[in-house]
């Protein structure tokens, strides 16, 4: 069965840390419990802000690094999930369900990509 990674993109500069309602937390908890019991969820986590990150680049035979925040980036990866499903259609359905538990005032984008196997 194929594995997929869902990268959760947020606009870090316009995404208040306390923007979620308690009901959102309950809905998310229920979905995570369901997807885990279904044997689909392999791993998931949120990520720390870019202000706590470091960006490394290989170019011209040299490595450069820049400490965050990365103000030139409008959207950043705010979290991820790795799921294992029968096909892309099932991966899309779980990802849609994940997005739909968010409060209406939130803007969240999920980029879904199959993990290349060996």
C-alpha atoms as a PDB file:
ATOM      1  CA  UNK A   1       0.000   0.000   0.000  1.00  0.00           C
ATOM      2  CA  UNK A   2       1.350   3.433  -0.898  1.00  0.00           C
ATOM      3  CA  UNK A   3       2.365   5.986   1.694  1.00  0.00           C
ATOM      4  CA  UNK A   4       1.599   9.685   1.374  1.00  0.00           C
ATOM      5  CA  UNK A   5       2.832  12.770   3.153  1.00  0.00           C
ATOM      6  CA  UNK A   6       0.479  15.636   3.742  1.00  0.00           C
ATOM      7  CA  UNK A   7       2.338  18.892   4.339  1.00  0.00           C
ATOM      8  CA  UNK A   8       0.193  21.454   6.091  1.00  0.00           C
ATOM      9  CA  UNK A   9       0.890  24.955   4.799  1.00  0.00           C
ATOM     10  CA  UNK A  10       0.006  28.044   6.796  1.00  0.00           C
ATOM     11  CA  UNK A  11       0.640  31.764   6.442  1.00  0.00           C
ATOM     12  CA  UNK A  12       2.767  32.037   9.566  1.00  0.00           C
ATOM     13  CA  UNK A  13       2.656  35.836   9.652  1.00  0.00           C
ATOM     14  CA  UNK A  14      -1.171  35.920   9.651  1.00  0.00           C
ATOM     15  CA  UNK A  15      -1.893  32.759  11.645  1.00  0.00           C
ATOM     16  CA  UNK A  16      -2.400  33.657  15.304  1.00  0.00           C
ATOM     17  CA  UNK A  17      -1.160  30.971  17.689  1.00  0.00           C
ATOM     18  CA  UNK A  18      -4.433  30.932  19.627  1.00  0.00           C
ATOM     19  CA  UNK A  19      -6.790  30.998  16.625  1.00  0.00           C
ATOM     20  CA  UNK A  20      -8.376  27.600  17.223  1.00  0.00           C
ATOM     21  CA  UNK A  21     -11.575  27.097  19.212  1.00  0.00           C
ATOM     22  CA  UNK A  22     -12.000  24.338  21.812  1.00  0.00           C
ATOM     23  CA  UNK A  23     -14.447  22.660  19.421  1.00  0.00           C
ATOM     24  CA  UNK A  24     -11.684  22.495  16.819  1.00  0.00           C
ATOM     25  CA  UNK A  25      -9.505  20.593  19.269  1.00  0.00           C
ATOM     26  CA  UNK A  26     -12.307  18.141  19.944  1.00  0.00           C
ATOM     27  CA  UNK A  27     -12.988  17.596  16.228  1.00  0.00           C
ATOM     28  CA  UNK A  28      -9.280  17.137  15.496  1.00  0.00           C
ATOM     29  CA  UNK A  29      -8.885  14.696  18.374  1.00  0.00           C
ATOM     30  CA  UNK A  30     -11.820  12.612  17.137  1.00  0.00           C
ATOM     31  CA  UNK A  31     -10.458  12.518  13.580  1.00  0.00           C
ATOM     32  CA  UNK A  32      -6.964  11.562  14.752  1.00  0.00           C
ATOM     33  CA  UNK A  33      -8.419   8.776  16.870  1.00  0.00           C
ATOM     34  CA  UNK A  34     -10.472   7.497  13.916  1.00  0.00           C
ATOM     35  CA  UNK A  35      -7.604   7.607  11.410  1.00  0.00           C
ATOM     36  CA  UNK A  36      -5.278   5.889  13.891  1.00  0.00           C
ATOM     37  CA  UNK A  37      -7.794   3.122  14.689  1.00  0.00           C
ATOM     38  CA  UNK A  38      -8.283   2.614  10.934  1.00  0.00           C
ATOM     39  CA  UNK A  39      -4.552   1.857  10.656  1.00  0.00           C
ATOM     40  CA  UNK A  40      -4.021   4.727   8.234  1.00  0.00           C
ATOM     41  CA  UNK A  41      -1.963   7.187  10.341  1.00  0.00           C
ATOM     42  CA  UNK A  42       1.743   6.379  10.512  1.00  0.00           C
ATOM     43  CA  UNK A  43       3.003   9.683  11.970  1.00  0.00           C
ATOM     44  CA  UNK A  44       1.863  13.269  12.446  1.00  0.00           C
ATOM     45  CA  UNK A  45       3.146  16.401  14.180  1.00  0.00           C
ATOM     46  CA  UNK A  46       3.059  20.154  14.146  1.00  0.00           C
ATOM     47  CA  UNK A  47       6.284  22.079  13.575  1.00  0.00           C
ATOM     48  CA  UNK A  48       7.840  24.905  15.567  1.00  0.00           C
ATOM     49  CA  UNK A  49       7.735  28.414  14.043  1.00  0.00           C
ATOM     50  CA  UNK A  50      10.312  29.390  11.423  1.00  0.00           C
ATOM     51  CA  UNK A  51      11.806  31.768  13.992  1.00  0.00           C
ATOM     52  CA  UNK A  52      13.222  28.633  15.621  1.00  0.00           C
ATOM     53  CA  UNK A  53      14.462  27.054  12.379  1.00  0.00           C
ATOM     54  CA  UNK A  54      17.576  27.118  10.223  1.00  0.00           C
ATOM     55  CA  UNK A  55      17.570  26.958   6.420  1.00  0.00           C
ATOM     56  CA  UNK A  56      20.593  25.298   4.791  1.00  0.00           C
ATOM     57  CA  UNK A  57      21.370  25.617   1.076  1.00  0.00           C
ATOM     58  CA  UNK A  58      23.879  23.769  -1.091  1.00  0.00           C
ATOM     59  CA  UNK A  59      24.933  25.956  -4.029  1.00  0.00           C
ATOM     60  CA  UNK A  60      28.142  26.362  -5.984  1.00  0.00           C
ATOM     61  CA  UNK A  61      29.821  23.613  -3.991  1.00  0.00           C
ATOM     62  CA  UNK A  62      29.266  25.379  -0.666  1.00  0.00           C
ATOM     63  CA  UNK A  63      26.757  25.237   2.165  1.00  0.00           C
ATOM     64  CA  UNK A  64      25.196  28.400   3.526  1.00  0.00           C
ATOM     65  CA  UNK A  65      22.800  28.666   6.443  1.00  0.00           C
ATOM     66  CA  UNK A  66      20.291  31.256   7.584  1.00  0.00           C
ATOM     67  CA  UNK A  67      18.525  31.267  10.933  1.00  0.00           C
ATOM     68  CA  UNK A  68      14.796  32.016  10.945  1.00  0.00           C
ATOM     69  CA  UNK A  69      12.409  33.624  10.812  1.00  0.00           C
ATOM     70  CA  UNK A  70      12.176  33.373   7.054  1.00  0.00           C
ATOM     71  CA  UNK A  71      10.259  36.562   6.351  1.00  0.00           C
ATOM     72  CA  UNK A  72      10.450  36.125   2.572  1.00  0.00           C
ATOM     73  CA  UNK A  73       8.258  33.028   2.859  1.00  0.00           C
ATOM     74  CA  UNK A  74       4.535  33.726   2.865  1.00  0.00           C
ATOM     75  CA  UNK A  75       3.474  30.098   3.342  1.00  0.00           C
ATOM     76  CA  UNK A  76       5.444  27.677   5.487  1.00  0.00           C
ATOM     77  CA  UNK A  77       5.040  24.037   6.465  1.00  0.00           C
ATOM     78  CA  UNK A  78       3.274  24.119   9.839  1.00  0.00           C
ATOM     79  CA  UNK A  79       2.908  20.358  10.253  1.00  0.00           C
ATOM     80  CA  UNK A  80       2.717  17.048   8.481  1.00  0.00           C
ATOM     81  CA  UNK A  81       1.044  13.655   8.461  1.00  0.00           C
ATOM     82  CA  UNK A  82       2.266  10.407   6.935  1.00  0.00           C
ATOM     83  CA  UNK A  83      -0.522   8.011   6.018  1.00  0.00           C
ATOM     84  CA  UNK A  84      -0.695   4.608   4.353  1.00  0.00           C
ATOM     85  CA  UNK A  85      -3.762   3.982   2.219  1.00  0.00           C
ATOM     86  CA  UNK A  86      -4.925   1.799  -0.675  1.00  0.00           C
ATOM     87  CA  UNK A  87      -4.701   4.592  -3.278  1.00  0.00           C
ATOM     88  CA  UNK A  88      -4.497   8.320  -3.982  1.00  0.00           C
ATOM     89  CA  UNK A  89      -8.297   8.733  -3.817  1.00  0.00           C
ATOM     90  CA  UNK A  90      -8.351   7.487  -0.218  1.00  0.00           C
ATOM     91  CA  UNK A  91      -5.425   9.799   0.656  1.00  0.00           C
ATOM     92  CA  UNK A  92      -7.354  12.745  -0.795  1.00  0.00           C
ATOM     93  CA  UNK A  93     -10.472  11.837   1.210  1.00  0.00           C
ATOM     94  CA  UNK A  94      -8.594  11.681   4.539  1.00  0.00           C
ATOM     95  CA  UNK A  95      -6.870  14.972   3.724  1.00  0.00           C
ATOM     96  CA  UNK A  96     -10.203  16.643   2.920  1.00  0.00           C
ATOM     97  CA  UNK A  97     -11.592  15.422   6.237  1.00  0.00           C
ATOM     98  CA  UNK A  98      -8.547  16.851   8.018  1.00  0.00           C
ATOM     99  CA  UNK A  99      -9.084  20.263   6.418  1.00  0.00           C
ATOM    100  CA  UNK A 100     -12.828  20.243   7.154  1.00  0.00           C
ATOM    101  CA  UNK A 101     -12.312  19.966  10.935  1.00  0.00           C
ATOM    102  CA  UNK A 102     -10.676  23.428  10.951  1.00  0.00           C
ATOM    103  CA  UNK A 103     -12.685  26.461  12.014  1.00  0.00           C
ATOM    104  CA  UNK A 104     -14.158  28.516   9.158  1.00  0.00           C
ATOM    105  CA  UNK A 105     -11.999  31.571   9.940  1.00  0.00           C
ATOM    106  CA  UNK A 106      -8.791  29.536   9.465  1.00  0.00           C
ATOM    107  CA  UNK A 107      -6.964  29.243   6.147  1.00  0.00           C
ATOM    108  CA  UNK A 108      -4.988  26.022   5.817  1.00  0.00           C
ATOM    109  CA  UNK A 109      -3.591  24.380   2.689  1.00  0.00           C
ATOM    110  CA  UNK A 110      -2.598  20.725   2.507  1.00  0.00           C
ATOM    111  CA  UNK A 111      -0.113  19.535  -0.097  1.00  0.00           C
ATOM    112  CA  UNK A 112      -0.468  15.790  -0.626  1.00  0.00           C
ATOM    113  CA  UNK A 113       2.415  13.839  -2.176  1.00  0.00           C
ATOM    114  CA  UNK A 114       3.071  10.128  -2.560  1.00  0.00           C
ATOM    115  CA  UNK A 115       6.286   8.936  -0.937  1.00  0.00           C
ATOM    116  CA  UNK A 116       8.563   7.412  -3.582  1.00  0.00           C
ATOM    117  CA  UNK A 117       9.399   3.843  -2.620  1.00  0.00           C
ATOM    118  CA  UNK A 118      12.812   2.295  -3.374  1.00  0.00           C
END
